[in-house]
Every structure is written in C-alpha cells, then in structure tokens.
C-alpha cells in the first residue's frame, strides 16, 4: 500500500506519452494533493470491501 501511495503522489498523468517517468525524492513536489490521494485510497478501500462481501 505504501508504494501505491507514492505512485499516486508522484506519478504524472500524461496521456499520450509512451514512457512517462516517475520522479520522487527530497525536494520533489507531489503532483497530487493529500486530499486527492486520501479520496482515491478511500475509494479503493471501499471497492475492496464490496468485493470481499460479494465473494462470501
């Protein structure tokens, strides 16, 4: 889950680019705000919860 959060924060959403690079580290600005990342994580957790209930 930790790497997914890093990917969400720093991966650019460049459509049409064949090989977008993810650059992160000290001094790098995130491309998505904390609120956006938290919203995406909430949606993913909700989806996993529904899948878990449906499979039982």
PDB file of N, CA and C in Angstrom:
ATOM      1  N   UNK A   1       0.830  -1.184   0.000  1.00  0.00           N
ATOM      2  CA  UNK A   1       0.000   0.000   0.000  1.00  0.00           C
ATOM      3  C   UNK A   1       0.878   1.252   0.000  1.00  0.00           C
ATOM      4  N   UNK A   2       2.016   1.178   0.646  1.00  0.00           N
ATOM      5  CA  UNK A   2       2.904   2.335   0.711  1.00  0.00           C
ATOM      6  C   UNK A   2       3.406   2.769  -0.649  1.00  0.00           C
ATOM      7  N   UNK A   3       3.795   1.811  -1.475  1.00  0.00           N
ATOM      8  CA  UNK A   3       4.261   2.155  -2.819  1.00  0.00           C
ATOM      9  C   UNK A   3       3.134   2.687  -3.692  1.00  0.00           C
ATOM     10  N   UNK A   4       1.916   2.208  -3.461  1.00  0.00           N
ATOM     11  CA  UNK A   4       0.769   2.723  -4.192  1.00  0.00           C
ATOM     12  C   UNK A   4       0.549   4.203  -3.868  1.00  0.00           C
ATOM     13  N   UNK A   5       0.713   4.569  -2.603  1.00  0.00           N
ATOM     14  CA  UNK A   5       0.564   5.965  -2.194  1.00  0.00           C
ATOM     15  C   UNK A   5       1.662   6.822  -2.843  1.00  0.00           C
ATOM     16  N   UNK A   6       2.889   6.328  -2.855  1.00  0.00           N
ATOM     17  CA  UNK A   6       3.987   7.057  -3.505  1.00  0.00           C
ATOM     18  C   UNK A   6       3.688   7.224  -4.987  1.00  0.00           C
ATOM     19  N   UNK A   7       3.215   6.176  -5.620  1.00  0.00           N
ATOM     20  CA  UNK A   7       2.872   6.241  -7.039  1.00  0.00           C
ATOM     21  C   UNK A   7       1.770   7.272  -7.281  1.00  0.00           C
ATOM     22  N   UNK A   8       0.741   7.276  -6.419  1.00  0.00           N
ATOM     23  CA  UNK A   8      -0.339   8.249  -6.567  1.00  0.00           C
ATOM     24  C   UNK A   8       0.160   9.682  -6.423  1.00  0.00           C
ATOM     25  N   UNK A   9       1.034   9.909  -5.479  1.00  0.00           N
ATOM     26  CA  UNK A   9       1.509  11.268  -5.223  1.00  0.00           C
ATOM     27  C   UNK A   9       2.403  11.801  -6.332  1.00  0.00           C
ATOM     28  N   UNK A  10       3.255  10.959  -6.886  1.00  0.00           N
ATOM     29  CA  UNK A  10       4.316  11.458  -7.755  1.00  0.00           C
ATOM     30  C   UNK A  10       4.217  11.049  -9.217  1.00  0.00           C
ATOM     31  N   UNK A  11       3.310  10.166  -9.589  1.00  0.00           N
ATOM     32  CA  UNK A  11       3.247   9.776 -10.995  1.00  0.00           C
ATOM     33  C   UNK A  11       2.452  10.806 -11.783  1.00  0.00           C
ATOM     34  N   UNK A  12       3.045  11.314 -12.852  1.00  0.00           N
ATOM     35  CA  UNK A  12       2.330  12.295 -13.670  1.00  0.00           C
ATOM     36  C   UNK A  12       1.254  11.609 -14.498  1.00  0.00           C
ATOM     37  N   UNK A  13       0.179  12.325 -14.741  1.00  0.00           N
ATOM     38  CA  UNK A  13      -0.886  11.766 -15.573  1.00  0.00           C
ATOM     39  C   UNK A  13      -0.771  12.353 -16.970  1.00  0.00           C
ATOM     40  N   UNK A  14       0.198  11.882 -17.698  1.00  0.00           N
ATOM     41  CA  UNK A  14       0.430  12.362 -19.056  1.00  0.00           C
ATOM     42  C   UNK A  14      -0.129  11.352 -20.036  1.00  0.00           C
ATOM     43  N   UNK A  15      -1.243  11.686 -20.623  1.00  0.00           N
ATOM     44  CA  UNK A  15      -1.833  10.809 -21.619  1.00  0.00           C
ATOM     45  C   UNK A  15      -1.143  11.036 -22.959  1.00  0.00           C
ATOM     46  N   UNK A  16      -0.898   9.959 -23.652  1.00  0.00           N
ATOM     47  CA  UNK A  16      -0.271  10.070 -24.962  1.00  0.00           C
ATOM     48  C   UNK A  16       1.239   9.971 -24.937  1.00  0.00           C
ATOM     49  N   UNK A  17       1.847   9.986 -23.766  1.00  0.00           N
ATOM     50  CA  UNK A  17       3.294   9.850 -23.665  1.00  0.00           C
ATOM     51  C   UNK A  17       3.614   8.372 -23.514  1.00  0.00           C
ATOM     52  N   UNK A  18       4.536   7.885 -24.325  1.00  0.00           N
ATOM     53  CA  UNK A  18       4.834   6.448 -24.301  1.00  0.00           C
ATOM     54  C   UNK A  18       5.502   5.995 -23.011  1.00  0.00           C
ATOM     55  N   UNK A  19       6.434   6.778 -22.514  1.00  0.00           N
ATOM     56  CA  UNK A  19       7.207   6.338 -21.358  1.00  0.00           C
ATOM     57  C   UNK A  19       7.303   7.448 -20.318  1.00  0.00           C
ATOM     58  N   UNK A  20       6.200   7.721 -19.578  1.00  0.00           N
ATOM     59  CA  UNK A  20       6.289   8.762 -18.546  1.00  0.00           C
ATOM     60  C   UNK A  20       7.163   8.291 -17.393  1.00  0.00           C
ATOM     61  N   UNK A  21       7.927   9.197 -16.834  1.00  0.00           N
ATOM     62  CA  UNK A  21       8.806   8.832 -15.724  1.00  0.00           C
ATOM     63  C   UNK A  21       8.236   9.333 -14.408  1.00  0.00           C
ATOM     64  N   UNK A  22       8.466   8.572 -13.373  1.00  0.00           N
ATOM     65  CA  UNK A  22       8.056   8.950 -12.025  1.00  0.00           C
ATOM     66  C   UNK A  22       9.306   9.401 -11.296  1.00  0.00           C
ATOM     67  N   UNK A  23       9.342  10.685 -10.935  1.00  0.00           N
ATOM     68  CA  UNK A  23      10.498  11.240 -10.244  1.00  0.00           C
ATOM     69  C   UNK A  23      10.044  11.656  -8.858  1.00  0.00           C
ATOM     70  N   UNK A  24      10.653  11.068  -7.838  1.00  0.00           N
ATOM     71  CA  UNK A  24      10.306  11.428  -6.471  1.00  0.00           C
ATOM     72  C   UNK A  24      11.556  11.361  -5.617  1.00  0.00           C
ATOM     73  N   UNK A  25      11.519  12.088  -4.566  1.00  0.00           N
ATOM     74  CA  UNK A  25      12.653  12.138  -3.661  1.00  0.00           C
ATOM     75  C   UNK A  25      12.674  13.464  -2.933  1.00  0.00           C
ATOM     76  N   UNK A  26      13.751  13.754  -2.236  1.00  0.00           N
ATOM     77  CA  UNK A  26      13.840  15.005  -1.480  1.00  0.00           C
ATOM     78  C   UNK A  26      13.714  16.216  -2.405  1.00  0.00           C
ATOM     79  N   UNK A  27      12.808  17.121  -2.057  1.00  0.00           N
ATOM     80  CA  UNK A  27      12.643  18.342  -2.832  1.00  0.00           C
ATOM     81  C   UNK A  27      11.683  18.239  -3.997  1.00  0.00           C
ATOM     82  N   UNK A  28      11.194  17.052  -4.297  1.00  0.00           N
ATOM     83  CA  UNK A  28      10.260  16.879  -5.405  1.00  0.00           C
ATOM     84  C   UNK A  28       8.848  17.217  -4.942  1.00  0.00           C
ATOM     85  N   UNK A  29       8.142  17.990  -5.741  1.00  0.00           N
ATOM     86  CA  UNK A  29       6.775  18.355  -5.392  1.00  0.00           C
ATOM     87  C   UNK A  29       5.819  17.268  -5.868  1.00  0.00           C
ATOM     88  N   UNK A  30       4.879  16.862  -5.026  1.00  0.00           N
ATOM     89  CA  UNK A  30       3.880  15.876  -5.450  1.00  0.00           C
ATOM     90  C   UNK A  30       2.976  16.462  -6.533  1.00  0.00           C
ATOM     91  N   UNK A  31       2.505  15.602  -7.439  1.00  0.00           N
ATOM     92  CA  UNK A  31       1.601  16.058  -8.493  1.00  0.00           C
ATOM     93  C   UNK A  31       0.148  16.007  -8.038  1.00  0.00           C
ATOM     94  N   UNK A  32      -0.138  15.284  -6.961  1.00  0.00           N
ATOM     95  CA  UNK A  32      -1.489  15.231  -6.405  1.00  0.00           C
ATOM     96  C   UNK A  32      -1.443  15.646  -4.944  1.00  0.00           C
ATOM     97  N   UNK A  33      -2.461  16.378  -4.515  1.00  0.00           N
ATOM     98  CA  UNK A  33      -2.529  16.852  -3.133  1.00  0.00           C
ATOM     99  C   UNK A  33      -2.935  15.713  -2.204  1.00  0.00           C
ATOM    100  N   UNK A  34      -2.680  15.909  -0.918  1.00  0.00           N
ATOM    101  CA  UNK A  34      -3.023  14.898   0.092  1.00  0.00           C
ATOM    102  C   UNK A  34      -4.513  14.556   0.052  1.00  0.00           C
ATOM    103  N   UNK A  35      -5.344  15.566  -0.121  1.00  0.00           N
ATOM    104  CA  UNK A  35      -6.792  15.333  -0.136  1.00  0.00           C
ATOM    105  C   UNK A  35      -7.190  14.426  -1.295  1.00  0.00           C
ATOM    106  N   UNK A  36      -6.586  14.636  -2.452  1.00  0.00           N
ATOM    107  CA  UNK A  36      -6.885  13.801  -3.625  1.00  0.00           C
ATOM    108  C   UNK A  36      -6.429  12.362  -3.385  1.00  0.00           C
ATOM    109  N   UNK A  37      -5.236  12.181  -2.851  1.00  0.00           N
ATOM    110  CA  UNK A  37      -4.707  10.843  -2.573  1.00  0.00           C
ATOM    111  C   UNK A  37      -5.591  10.139  -1.554  1.00  0.00           C
ATOM    112  N   UNK A  38      -6.025  10.836  -0.507  1.00  0.00           N
ATOM    113  CA  UNK A  38      -6.897  10.232   0.501  1.00  0.00           C
ATOM    114  C   UNK A  38      -8.237   9.825  -0.095  1.00  0.00           C
ATOM    115  N   UNK A  39      -8.769  10.636  -1.006  1.00  0.00           N
ATOM    116  CA  UNK A  39     -10.024  10.286  -1.670  1.00  0.00           C
ATOM    117  C   UNK A  39      -9.895   9.030  -2.510  1.00  0.00           C
ATOM    118  N   UNK A  40      -8.791   8.908  -3.223  1.00  0.00           N
ATOM    119  CA  UNK A  40      -8.556   7.716  -4.049  1.00  0.00           C
ATOM    120  C   UNK A  40      -8.394   6.488  -3.158  1.00  0.00           C
ATOM    121  N   UNK A  41      -7.643   6.620  -2.057  1.00  0.00           N
ATOM    122  CA  UNK A  41      -7.455   5.493  -1.137  1.00  0.00           C
ATOM    123  C   UNK A  41      -8.777   5.065  -0.504  1.00  0.00           C
ATOM    124  N   UNK A  42      -9.630   6.011  -0.180  1.00  0.00           N
ATOM    125  CA  UNK A  42     -10.940   5.686   0.375  1.00  0.00           C
ATOM    126  C   UNK A  42     -11.769   4.904  -0.632  1.00  0.00           C
ATOM    127  N   UNK A  43     -11.728   5.320  -1.888  1.00  0.00           N
ATOM    128  CA  UNK A  43     -12.470   4.616  -2.936  1.00  0.00           C
ATOM    129  C   UNK A  43     -11.942   3.198  -3.139  1.00  0.00           C
ATOM    130  N   UNK A  44     -10.634   3.033  -3.122  1.00  0.00           N
ATOM    131  CA  UNK A  44     -10.035   1.702  -3.293  1.00  0.00           C
ATOM    132  C   UNK A  44     -10.403   0.795  -2.120  1.00  0.00           C
ATOM    133  N   UNK A  45     -10.339   1.322  -0.907  1.00  0.00           N
ATOM    134  CA  UNK A  45     -10.721   0.518   0.267  1.00  0.00           C
ATOM    135  C   UNK A  45     -12.193   0.119   0.206  1.00  0.00           C
ATOM    136  N   UNK A  46     -13.041   1.041  -0.227  1.00  0.00           N
ATOM    137  CA  UNK A  46     -14.464   0.724  -0.373  1.00  0.00           C
ATOM    138  C   UNK A  46     -14.701  -0.354  -1.405  1.00  0.00           C
ATOM    139  N   UNK A  47     -13.991  -0.260  -2.522  1.00  0.00           N
ATOM    140  CA  UNK A  47     -14.120  -1.275  -3.568  1.00  0.00           C
ATOM    141  C   UNK A  47     -13.668  -2.647  -3.063  1.00  0.00           C
ATOM    142  N   UNK A  48     -12.562  -2.676  -2.342  1.00  0.00           N
ATOM    143  CA  UNK A  48     -12.081  -3.953  -1.796  1.00  0.00           C
ATOM    144  C   UNK A  48     -13.058  -4.515  -0.768  1.00  0.00           C
ATOM    145  N   UNK A  49     -13.696  -3.653   0.005  1.00  0.00           N
ATOM    146  CA  UNK A  49     -14.695  -4.113   0.970  1.00  0.00           C
ATOM    147  C   UNK A  49     -15.902  -4.729   0.286  1.00  0.00           C
ATOM    148  N   UNK A  50     -16.362  -4.114  -0.791  1.00  0.00           N
ATOM    149  CA  UNK A  50     -17.504  -4.651  -1.533  1.00  0.00           C
ATOM    150  C   UNK A  50     -17.147  -5.986  -2.169  1.00  0.00           C
ATOM    151  N   UNK A  51     -15.963  -6.074  -2.742  1.00  0.00           N
ATOM    152  CA  UNK A  51     -15.523  -7.326  -3.364  1.00  0.00           C
ATOM    153  C   UNK A  51     -15.457  -8.430  -2.316  1.00  0.00           C
ATOM    154  N   UNK A  52     -14.968  -8.101  -1.133  1.00  0.00           N
ATOM    155  CA  UNK A  52     -14.869  -9.089  -0.065  1.00  0.00           C
ATOM    156  C   UNK A  52     -16.262  -9.575   0.352  1.00  0.00           C
ATOM    157  N   UNK A  53     -17.220  -8.670   0.451  1.00  0.00           N
ATOM    158  CA  UNK A  53     -18.583  -9.062   0.838  1.00  0.00           C
ATOM    159  C   UNK A  53     -19.259  -9.896  -0.228  1.00  0.00           C
ATOM    160  N   UNK A  54     -19.029  -9.564  -1.487  1.00  0.00           N
ATOM    161  CA  UNK A  54     -19.674 -10.287  -2.585  1.00  0.00           C
ATOM    162  C   UNK A  54     -19.135 -11.706  -2.706  1.00  0.00           C
ATOM    163  N   UNK A  55     -17.859 -11.889  -2.428  1.00  0.00           N
ATOM    164  CA  UNK A  55     -17.244 -13.212  -2.564  1.00  0.00           C
ATOM    165  C   UNK A  55     -17.656 -14.157  -1.449  1.00  0.00           C
ATOM    166  N   UNK A  56     -18.138 -13.657  -0.336  1.00  0.00           N
ATOM    167  CA  UNK A  56     -18.506 -14.528   0.799  1.00  0.00           C
ATOM    168  C   UNK A  56     -19.839 -15.190   0.605  1.00  0.00           C
TER     169      UNK A  56
END
